[in-house]
Amino acid sequence: MKTLQLPLKRKWFEMTARGIKTEDYREINEYWLKRLVESDIENPEIGQALCSLRDGSTQESVNEIYGVKLKQFKINKMTLGYPKATDTERILRFEHKGIEIRTGNSEWGAEPGKIYFVIKHGRLLIDND
C-alpha cells in the first residue's frame, strides 16, 4: 500500500505533532479527486457528483452510490512545508485510518458547513514501523 504525503502549514503541523489534530481536510476538487479516488474521474458527471456529496458519506457509501472507490493508503506522511528527506524534524508519519467525506472541525482549519475529504490519522509511527 501507498503513502499519502500531505504538506502542512506550521500551525497545523504542530497541532498534529502534539496529537491534538487527528485528521486533515482537503477540498473536493479536481486535484484531490485525482489523488484520492481510484475510479476514472475523467467523467465530469462523477466529478460533479463527488463535489456535491453530503455530510457523513463514507468510503462504502461513496462506492455504493457513485460506483467509485477511494484509494487505500498505509501511511499519512505529514510534512512541514516541503522538507528534504533528511530533515526529519519536519516529517511525521502516521498510520492511515481512512478517508471520509464530511464537514470538519473549524478549530482545525475547516470552513463551517463545507464538505471535505477528511483524512484520518492513527498512531504516530517511528522509523522502525
Protein backbone atom coordinates (compact mmCIF):
# COMPACT_ATOMS: atom_id res chain seq x y z
CA MET A 1 0.00 0.00 0.00
CA LYS A 2 0.99 3.58 -0.58
CA THR A 3 1.99 6.58 1.48
CA LEU A 4 -0.14 9.72 1.26
CA GLN A 5 2.02 12.83 1.65
CA LEU A 6 0.31 15.94 2.97
CA PRO A 7 2.25 19.20 3.36
CA LEU A 8 1.04 21.38 6.23
CA LYS A 9 1.46 24.92 7.46
CA ARG A 10 3.32 25.30 10.77
CA LYS A 11 0.19 25.76 12.94
CA TRP A 12 -1.44 22.53 11.70
CA PHE A 13 1.85 20.60 11.71
CA GLU A 14 2.50 21.49 15.35
CA MET A 15 -1.06 20.58 16.41
CA THR A 16 -0.74 17.26 14.58
CA ALA A 17 2.67 16.57 16.14
CA ARG A 18 1.23 17.16 19.63
CA GLY A 19 -1.64 14.75 18.93
CA ILE A 20 -4.31 17.48 19.08
CA LYS A 21 -5.30 17.43 15.40
CA THR A 22 -6.12 13.87 14.34
CA GLU A 23 -7.43 14.48 10.85
CA ASP A 24 -6.70 16.64 7.83
CA TYR A 25 -9.02 18.30 5.35
CA ARG A 26 -8.64 18.52 1.60
CA GLU A 27 -11.09 20.20 -0.73
CA ILE A 28 -13.17 18.08 -3.07
CA ASN A 29 -11.75 19.41 -6.31
CA GLU A 30 -10.14 18.01 -9.44
CA TYR A 31 -6.65 17.83 -7.92
CA TRP A 32 -7.69 15.88 -4.80
CA LEU A 33 -10.13 13.73 -6.77
CA LYS A 34 -7.18 12.50 -8.84
CA ARG A 35 -5.06 11.89 -5.75
CA LEU A 36 -7.68 10.21 -3.57
CA VAL A 37 -10.15 8.46 -5.90
CA GLU A 38 -9.32 5.16 -7.65
CA SER A 39 -12.07 5.29 -10.24
CA ASP A 40 -11.96 7.10 -13.56
CA ILE A 41 -12.82 10.68 -12.69
CA GLU A 42 -12.36 11.94 -16.21
CA ASN A 43 -16.11 11.55 -16.48
CA PRO A 44 -17.36 15.04 -15.48
CA GLU A 45 -20.57 13.60 -14.03
CA ILE A 46 -18.60 11.60 -11.45
CA GLY A 47 -16.54 14.64 -10.51
CA GLN A 48 -19.67 16.76 -10.12
CA ALA A 49 -21.36 14.07 -8.05
CA LEU A 50 -18.39 13.80 -5.70
CA CYS A 51 -18.17 17.57 -5.36
CA SER A 52 -21.81 17.66 -4.23
CA LEU A 53 -21.63 14.84 -1.66
CA ARG A 54 -23.46 15.28 1.58
CA ASP A 55 -22.03 15.27 5.08
CA GLY A 56 -21.33 11.82 6.51
CA SER A 57 -20.53 9.96 3.30
CA THR A 58 -18.18 7.06 3.94
CA GLN A 59 -15.91 5.15 1.60
CA GLU A 60 -18.54 2.42 1.41
CA SER A 61 -21.44 4.74 0.66
CA VAL A 62 -19.46 6.65 -1.97
CA ASN A 63 -18.64 3.36 -3.71
CA GLU A 64 -22.21 2.11 -3.42
CA ILE A 65 -23.90 5.29 -4.63
CA TYR A 66 -21.44 6.56 -7.23
CA GLY A 67 -19.51 3.42 -8.10
CA VAL A 68 -16.20 4.98 -7.15
CA LYS A 69 -13.68 3.82 -4.63
CA LEU A 70 -11.39 5.98 -2.54
CA LYS A 71 -7.73 4.95 -2.63
CA GLN A 72 -6.26 2.94 0.20
CA PHE A 73 -3.12 4.12 1.93
CA LYS A 74 -0.97 2.66 4.69
CA ILE A 75 0.76 5.80 5.93
CA ASN A 76 -0.04 9.50 6.16
CA LYS A 77 3.24 11.38 5.81
CA MET A 78 2.74 14.86 7.21
CA THR A 79 5.39 17.44 6.36
CA LEU A 80 6.03 20.98 7.47
CA GLY A 81 6.07 22.56 4.04
CA TYR A 82 8.27 20.66 1.58
CA PRO A 83 11.35 19.50 3.52
CA LYS A 84 14.30 17.49 2.27
CA ALA A 85 14.04 13.78 3.08
CA THR A 86 16.86 14.19 5.62
CA ASP A 87 15.03 16.94 7.54
CA THR A 88 13.28 14.52 9.90
CA GLU A 89 12.25 17.32 12.30
CA ARG A 90 9.74 18.43 9.66
CA ILE A 91 8.32 14.98 8.83
CA LEU A 92 5.74 12.94 10.76
CA ARG A 93 4.40 9.55 9.78
CA PHE A 94 1.02 8.30 10.99
CA GLU A 95 -0.97 5.16 10.47
CA HIS A 96 -3.63 5.89 7.81
CA LYS A 97 -7.12 5.37 9.27
CA GLY A 98 -9.21 6.04 6.19
CA ILE A 99 -10.88 8.84 4.33
CA GLU A 100 -14.37 10.13 4.97
CA ILE A 101 -16.37 12.77 3.17
CA ARG A 102 -17.93 15.19 5.62
CA THR A 103 -17.58 18.53 7.38
CA GLY A 104 -14.56 19.17 9.57
CA ASN A 105 -13.64 20.87 12.80
CA SER A 106 -13.37 24.65 12.35
CA GLU A 107 -10.73 24.77 15.10
CA TRP A 108 -8.58 22.59 12.84
CA GLY A 109 -8.97 24.74 9.73
CA ALA A 110 -12.23 23.58 8.17
CA GLU A 111 -14.77 26.12 6.98
CA PRO A 112 -18.11 25.66 8.78
CA GLY A 113 -20.62 23.70 6.69
CA LYS A 114 -18.13 22.84 3.92
CA ILE A 115 -17.70 19.20 2.85
CA TYR A 116 -14.14 17.85 2.61
CA PHE A 117 -12.14 14.71 2.12
CA VAL A 118 -11.31 14.04 5.77
CA ILE A 119 -8.06 12.09 6.07
CA LYS A 120 -7.88 10.38 9.44
CA HIS A 121 -4.63 9.71 11.30
CA GLY A 122 -3.92 6.78 13.57
CA ARG A 123 -0.92 6.31 15.81
CA LEU A 124 2.37 8.09 15.25
CA LEU A 125 4.86 5.75 13.60
CA ILE A 126 8.51 5.63 14.50
CA ASP A 127 11.24 4.75 12.00
CA ASN A 128 11.05 1.02 12.81
CA ASP A 129 7.35 0.79 11.88
